[in-house]
Amino acid sequence: TGATTVTVGGVAATSVSVTSATTLTARTPATTVGAKTVSVTTAGGTGSKTNAFTYLAAPTVAAVSPATGPTTGNTLITVTGTNFVTGATTVTVGGVAATSVSVTSATTLTARTPAGAAGAKAVVLTTAGGTVTKSNAFTHVVPAPTVATVSPTSGPTAGNTLITVTGTNFVTGATTVTVGGAAATSVSVTSATSLTARTPAAASGAKSVTVTPAGGSFTKADAFTHQAVVPTWASVIEAEPNPAVVTNASLRAAIAATGLAWRVRDAATQIEMLLVPPGTFQMGCVMGNDQAGCAGFDLPVHQVPLTRPFYLGRYEVTQSQWLARMGTNPASFPGEGAERDELPVETVSWDGIQSFLAATGMRLPTEAEWEFACRAGTQTPYYNGSAEAITVRGLAWCWANSPLSPKPVGLLEANALGFRDMLGNVGEWVNDRFARYSATAQTDPQGPSSGSAEFGEDRVVRGNDWTTQYEGWITSSFRYRFQPGRAASDTGFRVARNAYSAPAVTIVLPATGPTTGNTLITVTGTNFVTGATTV
């Protein structure tokens, strides 16, 4: 103790500490690679051990492959370089130990990366010969997603269908979903392999679903199909509103927002019908024409919100359509053969129409529905946007252009919803009893529930007809009345149908529960509507 020196390869070691007569420690000096003699010198002499300590060469790293891998780790990397030592080599990636390190030769080893945040990392290799660092040798990346399934695979064009997407590598809080290129809403990643989202509104057709977390995007083609809802009583002709027919872009958007098919055919009668979307309008004579101004019964103007979509006949009911259900043709101007397919049925009373409606499951439009559909977004007297009475001749058959009889339906200019002959040709019965307007706003008005002393049971007629000589009365707001039993050659009708059938309830289970509430009940029945049903 205190009198011992140590050399390694002839160079003095440092920090020599004799812990007993048989043991000491020391720190080797720097020197060249190779085996060295260790000599210990005390007062009693010197003892040497040949090749007792070998200096190893420091390792080098030439390459790391692959150079990228997921943030979840476990990528098997191969490191090439020099001076790797079997059983005495460690590897870190970004300062975190790699696992399963296996030195296959002095120039090659394999290891599995640890998990780490996204970004480039240094790879550090340590052997008995020293440590080497290769900067930015491996990059952790967020793994790209995959999409295996989308369920359900279809839903209404109105959107809001809750879909479940399964796949891999979804990232909580950092994943977006698009359906047909439009962003889904309420995206919720429940695990790395499952997420839910609500579909956007879109036109009908198959759509790609794209999932995008931080690691990239994956698109599954034709994974979800938007479908317009077709009423049970109809077959679809065109699901989406045709811009050449529904010329008002706002109306097209409102129709699409309902999720219902736009153009359908009633299965029982083959009557073609167009969808009228919900909307709010000013009912009455908002603007007078250049001949007549506003008629007294067309005032006061009042706001009317219509909250439910409905279907309305594109044309007035024809003689053939009436004949097919009722067996006789009441028209004063009956057609022969194919003519009956085009000529409107007339000389039908409001009362007489009720049998046709009962036989077909249809109804008459309300007066508010009729005017909203006739105006098609306009506030002018005529649905062509004009206030000049003479222009009605391009819209309506009247005394000026058809003084002898009504004409086949559908020949003159349509309005911006695609309806024809809503002005002129034959006047059209609507469902309401006649009454004076109120200035108060009315939502989904149905007309009076009973007759009045002033107007009795008279029913409203709209649109005027082929016998009308004064064109100032053939406007979207002009209204008049007849007794419900009147049938004349100037009056016919067009039909309406509810977009949704009325619901029916058959069973409620359980049928009892505590007064404190909160009993979960199951209701079974028919015609329930997702997203639009209250209990």
Protein backbone atom coordinates (compact mmCIF):
# COMPACT_ATOMS: atom_id res chain seq x y z
CA THR A 1 0.00 0.00 0.00
CA GLY A 2 1.28 3.43 -1.01
CA ALA A 3 4.40 1.98 -2.64
CA THR A 4 3.01 0.23 -5.71
CA THR A 5 3.04 1.40 -9.36
CA VAL A 6 1.36 -0.14 -12.40
CA THR A 7 2.21 0.12 -16.09
CA VAL A 8 0.26 -1.14 -19.07
CA GLY A 9 2.42 -1.63 -22.12
CA GLY A 10 5.13 0.35 -20.41
CA VAL A 11 2.88 3.37 -19.77
CA ALA A 12 1.96 4.28 -16.20
CA ALA A 13 -1.57 3.57 -15.12
CA THR A 14 -3.33 6.13 -12.94
CA SER A 15 -5.48 6.05 -9.81
CA VAL A 16 -3.63 3.04 -8.46
CA SER A 17 -5.30 1.82 -5.25
CA VAL A 18 -4.03 -1.20 -3.28
CA THR A 19 -7.02 -2.61 -1.47
CA SER A 20 -5.09 -5.54 0.10
CA ALA A 21 -1.85 -7.47 -0.25
CA THR A 22 -3.55 -9.44 -3.02
CA THR A 23 -5.70 -6.88 -4.87
CA LEU A 24 -5.35 -3.46 -6.42
CA THR A 25 -7.22 -1.28 -8.94
CA ALA A 26 -5.92 1.14 -11.54
CA ARG A 27 -7.00 3.06 -14.63
CA THR A 28 -5.33 2.15 -17.92
CA PRO A 29 -3.45 4.78 -19.90
CA ALA A 30 -4.15 5.59 -23.51
CA THR A 31 -2.05 3.71 -26.03
CA THR A 32 -2.23 1.78 -29.27
CA VAL A 33 -4.47 -1.13 -30.19
CA GLY A 34 -3.22 -4.57 -29.20
CA ALA A 35 -2.26 -6.89 -26.30
CA LYS A 36 -0.16 -5.29 -23.59
CA THR A 37 1.99 -6.44 -20.65
CA VAL A 38 0.83 -5.33 -17.21
CA SER A 39 3.66 -4.71 -14.71
CA VAL A 40 3.25 -4.13 -10.96
CA THR A 41 6.24 -2.63 -9.07
CA THR A 42 6.58 -2.48 -5.26
CA ALA A 43 9.59 -2.00 -2.95
CA GLY A 44 10.07 -5.71 -3.23
CA GLY A 45 10.53 -5.68 -7.03
CA THR A 46 8.48 -5.89 -10.25
CA GLY A 47 6.10 -8.56 -11.45
CA SER A 48 4.78 -8.64 -15.09
CA LYS A 49 2.02 -10.52 -16.88
CA THR A 50 2.42 -10.69 -20.64
CA ASN A 51 -0.62 -9.91 -22.86
CA ALA A 52 -2.67 -9.33 -19.77
CA PHE A 53 -4.73 -6.46 -21.22
CA THR A 54 -5.84 -5.85 -24.81
CA TYR A 55 -6.71 -2.48 -26.22
CA LEU A 56 -9.63 -2.75 -28.66
CA ALA A 57 -10.32 -0.46 -31.59
CA ALA A 58 -13.24 1.96 -31.14
CA PRO A 59 -16.29 0.97 -33.18
CA THR A 60 -17.52 2.85 -36.25
CA VAL A 61 -21.01 2.98 -37.76
CA ALA A 62 -21.34 3.18 -41.52
CA ALA A 63 -25.09 2.64 -42.07
CA VAL A 64 -28.41 1.90 -40.35
CA SER A 65 -31.08 0.09 -42.38
CA PRO A 66 -33.96 0.67 -42.58
CA ALA A 67 -33.54 4.34 -41.71
CA THR A 68 -37.19 4.84 -40.70
CA GLY A 69 -39.77 3.01 -38.66
CA PRO A 70 -42.95 3.58 -36.67
CA THR A 71 -43.10 5.53 -33.45
CA THR A 72 -44.36 2.35 -31.80
CA GLY A 73 -40.87 0.89 -32.11
CA ASN A 74 -39.84 -2.74 -32.68
CA THR A 75 -38.35 -2.08 -36.12
CA LEU A 76 -35.55 -4.60 -36.80
CA ILE A 77 -32.56 -2.53 -37.91
CA THR A 78 -29.21 -3.72 -39.28
CA VAL A 79 -26.16 -1.65 -38.31
CA THR A 80 -22.98 -1.99 -40.35
CA GLY A 81 -19.57 -0.64 -39.36
CA THR A 82 -16.38 -1.92 -37.72
CA ASN A 83 -15.08 -3.28 -34.44
CA PHE A 84 -18.34 -4.67 -33.09
CA VAL A 85 -17.77 -7.01 -30.15
CA THR A 86 -19.95 -10.05 -29.58
CA GLY A 87 -21.64 -10.01 -26.19
CA ALA A 88 -20.25 -6.61 -25.25
CA THR A 89 -22.06 -4.18 -27.55
CA THR A 90 -25.02 -1.96 -26.67
CA VAL A 91 -27.17 0.21 -28.96
CA THR A 92 -29.35 3.20 -28.19
CA VAL A 93 -31.73 5.08 -30.50
CA GLY A 94 -32.42 8.61 -29.39
CA GLY A 95 -30.92 7.82 -26.03
CA VAL A 96 -33.21 4.84 -25.38
CA ALA A 97 -31.82 1.32 -25.35
CA ALA A 98 -32.57 -0.88 -28.30
CA THR A 99 -33.51 -4.49 -27.58
CA SER A 100 -32.54 -7.87 -29.00
CA VAL A 101 -29.05 -6.67 -29.91
CA SER A 102 -27.25 -9.41 -31.82
CA VAL A 103 -23.65 -9.00 -33.11
CA THR A 104 -23.39 -11.30 -36.13
CA SER A 105 -19.81 -10.24 -36.99
CA ALA A 106 -17.31 -7.53 -36.25
CA THR A 107 -18.96 -5.46 -38.96
CA THR A 108 -22.68 -6.23 -38.60
CA LEU A 109 -25.28 -6.30 -35.83
CA THR A 110 -29.07 -6.25 -35.59
CA ALA A 111 -31.35 -4.67 -33.00
CA ARG A 112 -34.95 -3.69 -32.44
CA THR A 113 -35.73 0.00 -32.06
CA PRO A 114 -37.44 1.36 -28.96
CA ALA A 115 -40.65 3.38 -29.16
CA GLY A 116 -40.09 7.08 -29.57
CA ALA A 117 -41.59 10.37 -30.61
CA ALA A 118 -41.67 11.19 -34.30
CA GLY A 119 -38.40 12.62 -35.58
CA ALA A 120 -34.76 11.88 -36.50
CA LYS A 121 -32.68 10.13 -33.82
CA ALA A 122 -29.00 9.48 -33.20
CA VAL A 123 -27.89 5.85 -33.08
CA VAL A 124 -25.17 5.26 -30.45
CA LEU A 125 -23.13 2.03 -30.41
CA THR A 126 -20.95 1.15 -27.43
CA THR A 127 -18.39 -1.66 -27.19
CA ALA A 128 -15.49 -2.29 -24.89
CA GLY A 129 -13.48 -0.34 -27.43
CA GLY A 130 -15.49 2.81 -27.02
CA THR A 131 -18.62 4.59 -28.21
CA VAL A 132 -19.60 5.94 -31.61
CA THR A 133 -22.59 8.18 -32.43
CA LYS A 134 -24.21 8.46 -35.86
CA SER A 135 -26.48 11.52 -35.89
CA ASN A 136 -29.92 11.37 -37.50
CA ALA A 137 -29.36 7.75 -38.41
CA PHE A 138 -32.93 6.60 -37.71
CA THR A 139 -36.25 8.46 -37.96
CA HIS A 140 -39.33 7.54 -36.00
CA VAL A 141 -42.43 8.18 -38.12
CA VAL A 142 -46.11 7.95 -37.27
CA PRO A 143 -47.26 4.81 -39.12
CA ALA A 144 -49.56 5.24 -42.11
CA PRO A 145 -53.14 4.13 -41.49
CA THR A 146 -55.06 1.39 -43.23
CA VAL A 147 -58.82 1.05 -43.60
CA ALA A 148 -60.34 -2.40 -43.53
CA THR A 149 -64.10 -1.81 -43.24
CA VAL A 150 -66.70 0.96 -43.11
CA SER A 151 -70.05 0.15 -41.50
CA PRO A 152 -72.77 0.83 -42.44
CA THR A 153 -71.83 1.11 -46.08
CA SER A 154 -74.69 3.40 -47.07
CA GLY A 155 -76.79 6.25 -45.73
CA PRO A 156 -78.97 9.18 -46.79
CA THR A 157 -77.71 12.04 -48.92
CA ALA A 158 -78.60 14.38 -46.05
CA GLY A 159 -75.61 12.97 -44.18
CA ASN A 160 -75.24 12.48 -40.42
CA THR A 161 -74.95 8.68 -40.68
CA LEU A 162 -72.80 7.36 -37.83
CA ILE A 163 -70.17 5.13 -39.42
CA THR A 164 -67.60 2.89 -37.76
CA VAL A 165 -64.25 2.59 -39.56
CA THR A 166 -61.86 -0.23 -38.70
CA GLY A 167 -58.21 -0.46 -39.73
CA THR A 168 -54.82 0.27 -38.21
CA ASN A 169 -52.72 3.14 -36.93
CA PHE A 170 -55.50 5.57 -36.09
CA VAL A 171 -54.28 8.34 -33.80
CA THR A 172 -56.46 9.81 -31.06
CA GLY A 173 -56.95 13.54 -31.51
CA ALA A 174 -55.02 13.69 -34.77
CA THR A 175 -57.15 11.80 -37.26
CA THR A 176 -59.45 13.30 -39.87
CA VAL A 177 -61.99 11.51 -42.05
CA THR A 178 -63.44 12.56 -45.39
CA VAL A 179 -66.25 10.94 -47.36
CA GLY A 180 -66.14 11.77 -51.03
CA GLY A 181 -63.69 14.56 -50.25
CA ALA A 182 -65.98 16.30 -47.74
CA ALA A 183 -65.07 16.33 -44.06
CA ALA A 184 -66.92 14.00 -41.75
CA THR A 185 -67.89 15.38 -38.34
CA SER A 186 -67.78 14.07 -34.77
CA VAL A 187 -64.69 11.97 -35.49
CA SER A 188 -63.85 9.87 -32.42
CA VAL A 189 -60.87 7.51 -32.37
CA THR A 190 -61.81 4.76 -29.92
CA SER A 191 -58.57 2.80 -30.43
CA ALA A 192 -55.70 2.49 -32.87
CA THR A 193 -57.90 0.17 -34.93
CA SER A 194 -61.36 1.75 -34.69
CA LEU A 195 -63.00 5.14 -35.05
CA THR A 196 -66.48 6.57 -35.53
CA ALA A 197 -67.59 9.60 -37.53
CA ARG A 198 -70.72 11.19 -38.98
CA THR A 199 -70.97 11.44 -42.75
CA PRO A 200 -71.36 14.79 -44.52
CA ALA A 201 -74.26 15.57 -46.82
CA ALA A 202 -73.55 14.75 -50.45
CA ALA A 203 -75.10 13.80 -53.74
CA SER A 204 -76.12 10.18 -54.17
CA GLY A 205 -73.47 7.72 -55.29
CA ALA A 206 -70.50 5.68 -54.05
CA LYS A 207 -67.83 7.65 -52.20
CA SER A 208 -64.24 7.03 -51.11
CA VAL A 209 -63.49 7.18 -47.39
CA THR A 210 -60.11 8.70 -46.51
CA VAL A 211 -58.57 8.45 -43.04
CA THR A 212 -55.68 10.82 -42.29
CA PRO A 213 -53.76 10.66 -39.01
CA ALA A 214 -50.33 12.27 -38.57
CA GLY A 215 -48.68 9.35 -40.39
CA GLY A 216 -50.29 9.83 -43.77
CA SER A 217 -53.54 9.00 -45.52
CA PHE A 218 -55.33 5.87 -46.60
CA THR A 219 -58.24 5.91 -49.03
CA LYS A 220 -60.73 3.10 -49.42
CA ALA A 221 -62.53 3.51 -52.71
CA ASP A 222 -66.33 3.19 -52.90
CA ALA A 223 -66.51 2.49 -49.17
CA PHE A 224 -69.73 4.43 -48.51
CA THR A 225 -72.73 5.15 -50.70
CA HIS A 226 -74.97 8.16 -50.27
CA GLN A 227 -78.51 7.19 -51.16
CA ALA A 228 -81.50 9.46 -51.59
CA VAL A 229 -84.44 8.18 -49.56
CA VAL A 230 -87.23 7.01 -51.85
CA PRO A 231 -90.75 6.99 -50.36
CA THR A 232 -92.27 3.54 -50.03
CA TRP A 233 -95.07 4.50 -52.40
CA ALA A 234 -92.77 5.62 -55.22
CA SER A 235 -90.05 4.63 -57.63
CA VAL A 236 -87.18 7.00 -58.31
CA ILE A 237 -86.76 8.74 -61.67
CA GLU A 238 -83.94 11.09 -60.68
CA ALA A 239 -82.43 11.13 -57.20
CA GLU A 240 -80.74 14.52 -57.44
CA PRO A 241 -82.32 17.77 -58.65
CA ASN A 242 -81.39 18.44 -62.25
CA PRO A 243 -79.89 21.96 -62.55
CA ALA A 244 -81.51 22.33 -65.96
CA VAL A 245 -84.91 21.89 -64.28
CA VAL A 246 -84.42 23.20 -60.75
CA THR A 247 -82.67 26.34 -61.87
CA ASN A 248 -82.53 27.99 -58.44
CA ALA A 249 -79.30 26.89 -56.71
CA SER A 250 -80.70 27.60 -53.23
CA LEU A 251 -83.68 25.37 -53.95
CA ARG A 252 -81.40 22.61 -55.24
CA ALA A 253 -79.40 22.80 -52.00
CA ALA A 254 -82.59 22.73 -49.93
CA ILE A 255 -83.83 19.65 -51.81
CA ALA A 256 -80.49 17.88 -51.37
CA ALA A 257 -80.52 18.70 -47.65
CA THR A 258 -83.70 16.69 -47.15
CA GLY A 259 -81.96 13.47 -48.22
CA LEU A 260 -85.05 12.56 -50.26
CA ALA A 261 -85.20 11.61 -53.91
CA TRP A 262 -86.11 14.63 -56.02
CA ARG A 263 -88.12 13.21 -58.93
CA VAL A 264 -90.29 10.15 -58.34
CA ARG A 265 -93.23 8.33 -59.82
CA ASP A 266 -96.18 7.23 -57.74
CA ALA A 267 -96.27 3.45 -58.06
CA ALA A 268 -100.06 3.15 -58.01
CA THR A 269 -100.99 5.91 -60.47
CA GLN A 270 -97.73 6.54 -62.38
CA ILE A 271 -98.12 10.26 -61.62
CA GLU A 272 -94.77 12.05 -61.76
CA MET A 273 -94.00 14.10 -58.65
CA LEU A 274 -91.25 16.52 -57.63
CA LEU A 275 -89.98 17.18 -54.14
CA VAL A 276 -90.70 20.56 -52.57
CA PRO A 277 -88.25 21.27 -49.72
CA PRO A 278 -89.10 23.01 -46.45
CA GLY A 279 -88.76 26.76 -46.50
CA THR A 280 -90.09 30.11 -45.35
CA PHE A 281 -91.71 32.64 -47.68
CA GLN A 282 -93.87 35.74 -47.73
CA MET A 283 -97.38 34.60 -48.64
CA GLY A 284 -99.73 36.97 -50.42
CA CYS A 285 -99.30 39.79 -52.87
CA VAL A 286 -95.78 40.95 -52.10
CA MET A 287 -95.65 42.85 -55.39
CA GLY A 288 -98.50 43.81 -57.67
CA ASN A 289 -98.35 43.49 -61.44
CA ASP A 290 -98.48 46.35 -63.90
CA GLN A 291 -102.18 45.78 -64.64
CA ALA A 292 -103.97 45.04 -61.42
CA GLY A 293 -101.76 45.72 -58.42
CA CYS A 294 -102.82 43.52 -55.50
CA ALA A 295 -106.26 41.97 -55.08
CA GLY A 296 -107.88 42.45 -51.70
CA PHE A 297 -108.02 38.80 -50.74
CA ASP A 298 -104.27 38.48 -51.47
CA LEU A 299 -103.49 40.72 -48.49
CA PRO A 300 -102.10 41.16 -45.92
CA VAL A 301 -98.74 39.61 -46.75
CA HIS A 302 -97.63 37.29 -43.95
CA GLN A 303 -94.69 35.01 -43.26
CA VAL A 304 -95.23 31.28 -43.64
CA PRO A 305 -92.64 28.68 -42.60
CA LEU A 306 -93.26 25.25 -44.12
CA THR A 307 -91.33 22.81 -41.97
CA ARG A 308 -91.83 19.54 -43.85
CA PRO A 309 -90.87 18.48 -47.36
CA PHE A 310 -93.65 17.17 -49.57
CA TYR A 311 -94.15 15.87 -53.09
CA LEU A 312 -96.32 17.66 -55.64
CA GLY A 313 -97.49 16.55 -59.06
CA ARG A 314 -95.24 17.96 -61.77
CA TYR A 315 -98.33 18.45 -63.94
CA GLU A 316 -102.05 18.78 -63.43
CA VAL A 317 -103.81 15.43 -63.14
CA THR A 318 -104.69 14.20 -66.62
CA GLN A 319 -107.84 12.61 -67.94
CA SER A 320 -106.11 9.23 -68.32
CA GLN A 321 -104.93 9.29 -64.73
CA TRP A 322 -108.42 10.07 -63.50
CA LEU A 323 -110.05 7.53 -65.81
CA ALA A 324 -107.72 4.73 -64.66
CA ARG A 325 -108.97 5.11 -61.08
CA MET A 326 -112.49 6.40 -61.41
CA GLY A 327 -113.68 4.56 -64.52
CA THR A 328 -115.30 7.55 -66.22
CA ASN A 329 -114.00 10.79 -67.72
CA PRO A 330 -115.90 13.86 -66.48
CA ALA A 331 -114.03 16.33 -68.71
CA SER A 332 -116.01 18.83 -70.77
CA PHE A 333 -113.19 18.66 -73.32
CA PRO A 334 -112.46 14.93 -73.37
CA GLY A 335 -109.52 13.66 -75.34
CA GLU A 336 -109.47 10.55 -77.47
CA GLY A 337 -106.86 7.81 -77.01
CA ALA A 338 -103.42 9.23 -76.33
CA GLU A 339 -104.87 12.74 -76.03
CA ARG A 340 -106.24 11.77 -72.64
CA ASP A 341 -102.64 11.23 -71.44
CA GLU A 342 -101.92 14.93 -71.99
CA LEU A 343 -105.13 16.86 -71.36
CA PRO A 344 -105.93 17.91 -67.81
CA VAL A 345 -109.00 16.48 -66.22
CA GLU A 346 -111.55 19.23 -65.54
CA THR A 347 -115.19 19.56 -64.58
CA VAL A 348 -114.32 17.92 -61.26
CA SER A 349 -115.57 19.30 -57.96
CA TRP A 350 -113.64 19.50 -54.71
CA ASP A 351 -116.07 16.95 -53.28
CA GLY A 352 -115.68 14.65 -56.28
CA ILE A 353 -111.91 14.74 -56.05
CA GLN A 354 -112.05 13.20 -52.59
CA SER A 355 -112.89 9.79 -54.06
CA PHE A 356 -109.84 9.95 -56.31
CA LEU A 357 -107.65 10.90 -53.36
CA ALA A 358 -109.01 8.07 -51.22
CA ALA A 359 -108.38 5.59 -54.03
CA THR A 360 -104.78 6.70 -54.57
CA GLY A 361 -103.55 7.62 -51.08
CA MET A 362 -102.84 11.16 -52.26
CA ARG A 363 -104.07 14.54 -51.07
CA LEU A 364 -104.56 18.07 -52.27
CA PRO A 365 -101.83 20.56 -51.40
CA THR A 366 -102.61 23.17 -48.80
CA GLU A 367 -102.96 26.69 -50.10
CA ALA A 368 -99.60 27.63 -48.55
CA GLU A 369 -97.89 24.61 -50.08
CA TRP A 370 -99.35 25.50 -53.48
CA GLU A 371 -98.14 29.11 -53.38
CA PHE A 372 -94.68 28.16 -52.09
CA ALA A 373 -94.30 25.61 -54.90
CA CYS A 374 -95.68 28.06 -57.48
CA ARG A 375 -93.38 30.92 -56.45
CA ALA A 376 -90.30 28.65 -56.46
CA GLY A 377 -88.25 31.25 -54.63
CA THR A 378 -89.69 34.34 -56.36
CA GLN A 379 -91.54 37.29 -54.80
CA THR A 380 -92.77 38.73 -58.10
CA PRO A 381 -96.34 38.27 -59.38
CA TYR A 382 -95.12 35.74 -61.93
CA TYR A 383 -92.68 32.92 -61.32
CA ASN A 384 -90.57 34.04 -64.27
CA GLY A 385 -89.44 37.00 -62.13
CA SER A 386 -91.56 39.55 -63.98
CA ALA A 387 -94.24 42.01 -62.86
CA GLU A 388 -95.51 42.59 -66.43
CA ALA A 389 -98.83 40.86 -66.97
CA ILE A 390 -98.24 40.27 -70.66
CA THR A 391 -95.37 37.90 -69.84
CA VAL A 392 -97.85 35.44 -68.33
CA ARG A 393 -98.62 34.24 -71.83
CA GLY A 394 -95.34 32.31 -71.81
CA LEU A 395 -96.31 30.62 -68.54
CA ALA A 396 -100.07 30.13 -68.62
CA TRP A 397 -102.83 29.18 -71.02
CA CYS A 398 -105.42 31.93 -70.77
CA TRP A 399 -107.98 33.65 -72.98
CA ALA A 400 -105.23 35.47 -74.88
CA ASN A 401 -103.49 32.30 -76.10
CA SER A 402 -106.10 29.56 -75.59
CA PRO A 403 -109.59 31.00 -75.89
CA LEU A 404 -111.43 27.81 -76.77
CA SER A 405 -110.30 25.08 -74.38
CA PRO A 406 -107.59 23.92 -72.00
CA LYS A 407 -104.35 22.65 -73.51
CA PRO A 408 -102.20 19.55 -72.96
CA VAL A 409 -100.14 19.82 -69.79
CA GLY A 410 -96.46 20.73 -69.73
CA LEU A 411 -96.14 22.78 -72.90
CA LEU A 412 -95.29 26.19 -71.42
CA GLU A 413 -92.38 27.46 -69.33
CA ALA A 414 -91.72 25.69 -66.03
CA ASN A 415 -90.91 27.47 -62.78
CA ALA A 416 -87.60 27.15 -60.93
CA LEU A 417 -88.77 23.97 -59.17
CA GLY A 418 -89.76 22.30 -62.44
CA PHE A 419 -93.57 22.60 -62.12
CA ARG A 420 -95.63 23.48 -65.18
CA ASP A 421 -99.10 25.01 -65.65
CA MET A 422 -99.36 26.24 -62.08
CA LEU A 423 -100.73 29.40 -63.64
CA GLY A 424 -103.50 29.12 -66.20
CA ASN A 425 -104.81 26.13 -68.15
CA VAL A 426 -107.19 24.90 -65.41
CA GLY A 427 -107.63 26.44 -61.99
CA GLU A 428 -106.45 24.10 -59.24
CA TRP A 429 -108.41 23.12 -56.17
CA VAL A 430 -106.40 23.16 -52.95
CA ASN A 431 -107.45 21.66 -49.65
CA ASP A 432 -108.18 24.81 -47.62
CA ARG A 433 -111.50 26.41 -46.89
CA PHE A 434 -111.52 30.02 -47.99
CA ALA A 435 -110.82 32.67 -45.35
CA ARG A 436 -109.33 36.14 -45.15
CA TYR A 437 -105.60 36.33 -44.45
CA SER A 438 -104.14 37.39 -41.12
CA ALA A 439 -100.96 39.45 -40.86
CA THR A 440 -99.67 37.04 -38.22
CA ALA A 441 -97.00 34.54 -39.23
CA GLN A 442 -98.36 31.02 -39.63
CA THR A 443 -96.39 27.79 -39.57
CA ASP A 444 -97.65 24.97 -41.82
CA PRO A 445 -101.12 26.52 -42.11
CA GLN A 446 -103.96 24.15 -42.93
CA GLY A 447 -106.79 26.66 -43.41
CA PRO A 448 -109.93 26.94 -41.29
CA SER A 449 -111.18 23.75 -39.64
CA SER A 450 -114.80 24.68 -40.34
CA GLY A 451 -116.80 26.96 -42.58
CA SER A 452 -117.61 30.59 -41.84
CA ALA A 453 -120.62 32.85 -42.00
CA GLU A 454 -118.89 34.98 -44.63
CA PHE A 455 -117.67 32.26 -46.99
CA GLY A 456 -119.56 29.15 -45.93
CA GLU A 457 -117.76 25.93 -46.96
CA ASP A 458 -116.17 27.47 -50.04
CA ARG A 459 -112.79 26.02 -50.97
CA VAL A 460 -109.78 27.85 -52.38
CA VAL A 461 -108.89 27.63 -56.07
CA ARG A 462 -105.48 28.81 -57.30
CA GLY A 463 -103.68 29.66 -60.55
CA ASN A 464 -106.67 30.83 -62.60
CA ASP A 465 -107.48 29.21 -65.95
CA TRP A 466 -107.86 29.23 -69.71
CA THR A 467 -111.06 31.31 -69.55
CA THR A 468 -109.37 34.22 -67.75
CA GLN A 469 -109.33 37.35 -69.92
CA TYR A 470 -107.74 39.66 -67.37
CA GLU A 471 -104.09 38.61 -67.20
CA GLY A 472 -103.52 40.71 -64.07
CA TRP A 473 -105.38 38.03 -62.11
CA ILE A 474 -103.17 35.14 -63.24
CA THR A 475 -100.51 35.51 -60.54
CA SER A 476 -98.76 33.38 -57.92
CA SER A 477 -100.74 35.08 -55.14
CA PHE A 478 -104.21 35.44 -56.70
CA ARG A 479 -106.83 33.39 -54.88
CA TYR A 480 -110.50 32.79 -55.42
CA ARG A 481 -113.21 30.44 -54.18
CA PHE A 482 -115.89 28.06 -55.31
CA GLN A 483 -118.43 25.94 -53.52
CA PRO A 484 -116.95 22.45 -53.04
CA GLY A 485 -119.67 20.85 -55.17
CA ARG A 486 -119.01 23.06 -58.21
CA ALA A 487 -117.62 21.27 -61.26
CA ALA A 488 -116.79 23.25 -64.40
CA SER A 489 -114.48 23.08 -67.40
CA ASP A 490 -112.18 25.75 -65.95
CA THR A 491 -111.15 23.81 -62.84
CA GLY A 492 -108.97 20.75 -62.21
CA PHE A 493 -106.29 19.87 -59.67
CA ARG A 494 -102.83 18.51 -58.99
CA VAL A 495 -101.97 16.06 -56.21
CA ALA A 496 -99.59 16.12 -53.27
CA ARG A 497 -98.14 13.43 -51.05
CA ASN A 498 -96.30 13.52 -47.75
CA ALA A 499 -92.63 12.69 -48.08
CA TYR A 500 -92.90 10.40 -45.06
CA SER A 501 -95.76 8.11 -44.18
CA ALA A 502 -97.39 8.71 -40.82
CA PRO A 503 -95.84 6.55 -38.08
CA ALA A 504 -97.72 3.83 -36.27
CA VAL A 505 -96.92 2.34 -32.85
CA THR A 506 -97.67 -1.31 -32.16
CA ILE A 507 -95.81 -2.22 -28.96
CA VAL A 508 -94.12 -0.45 -26.06
CA LEU A 509 -91.95 -2.62 -23.78
CA PRO A 510 -91.79 -2.63 -20.85
CA ALA A 511 -95.28 -1.26 -20.37
CA THR A 512 -94.70 -0.12 -16.78
CA GLY A 513 -92.05 1.79 -14.85
CA PRO A 514 -91.49 3.92 -11.74
CA THR A 515 -92.86 7.46 -11.38
CA THR A 516 -89.27 8.68 -11.09
CA GLY A 517 -88.86 8.00 -14.81
CA ASN A 518 -85.68 6.85 -16.59
CA THR A 519 -87.14 3.51 -17.72
CA LEU A 520 -85.60 2.46 -21.04
CA ILE A 521 -88.48 1.52 -23.32
CA THR A 522 -88.44 -0.10 -26.75
CA VAL A 523 -91.10 1.09 -29.16
CA THR A 524 -91.91 -0.95 -32.25
CA GLY A 525 -94.06 0.16 -35.15
CA THR A 526 -93.67 1.53 -38.66
CA ASN A 527 -92.40 4.62 -40.49
CA PHE A 528 -89.97 5.84 -37.85
CA VAL A 529 -87.39 8.27 -39.29
CA THR A 530 -83.77 8.36 -38.11
CA GLY A 531 -82.80 11.75 -36.77
CA ALA A 532 -86.31 13.17 -37.07
CA THR A 533 -88.39 11.24 -34.58
CA THR A 534 -89.54 12.50 -31.19
CA VAL A 535 -91.17 10.43 -28.44
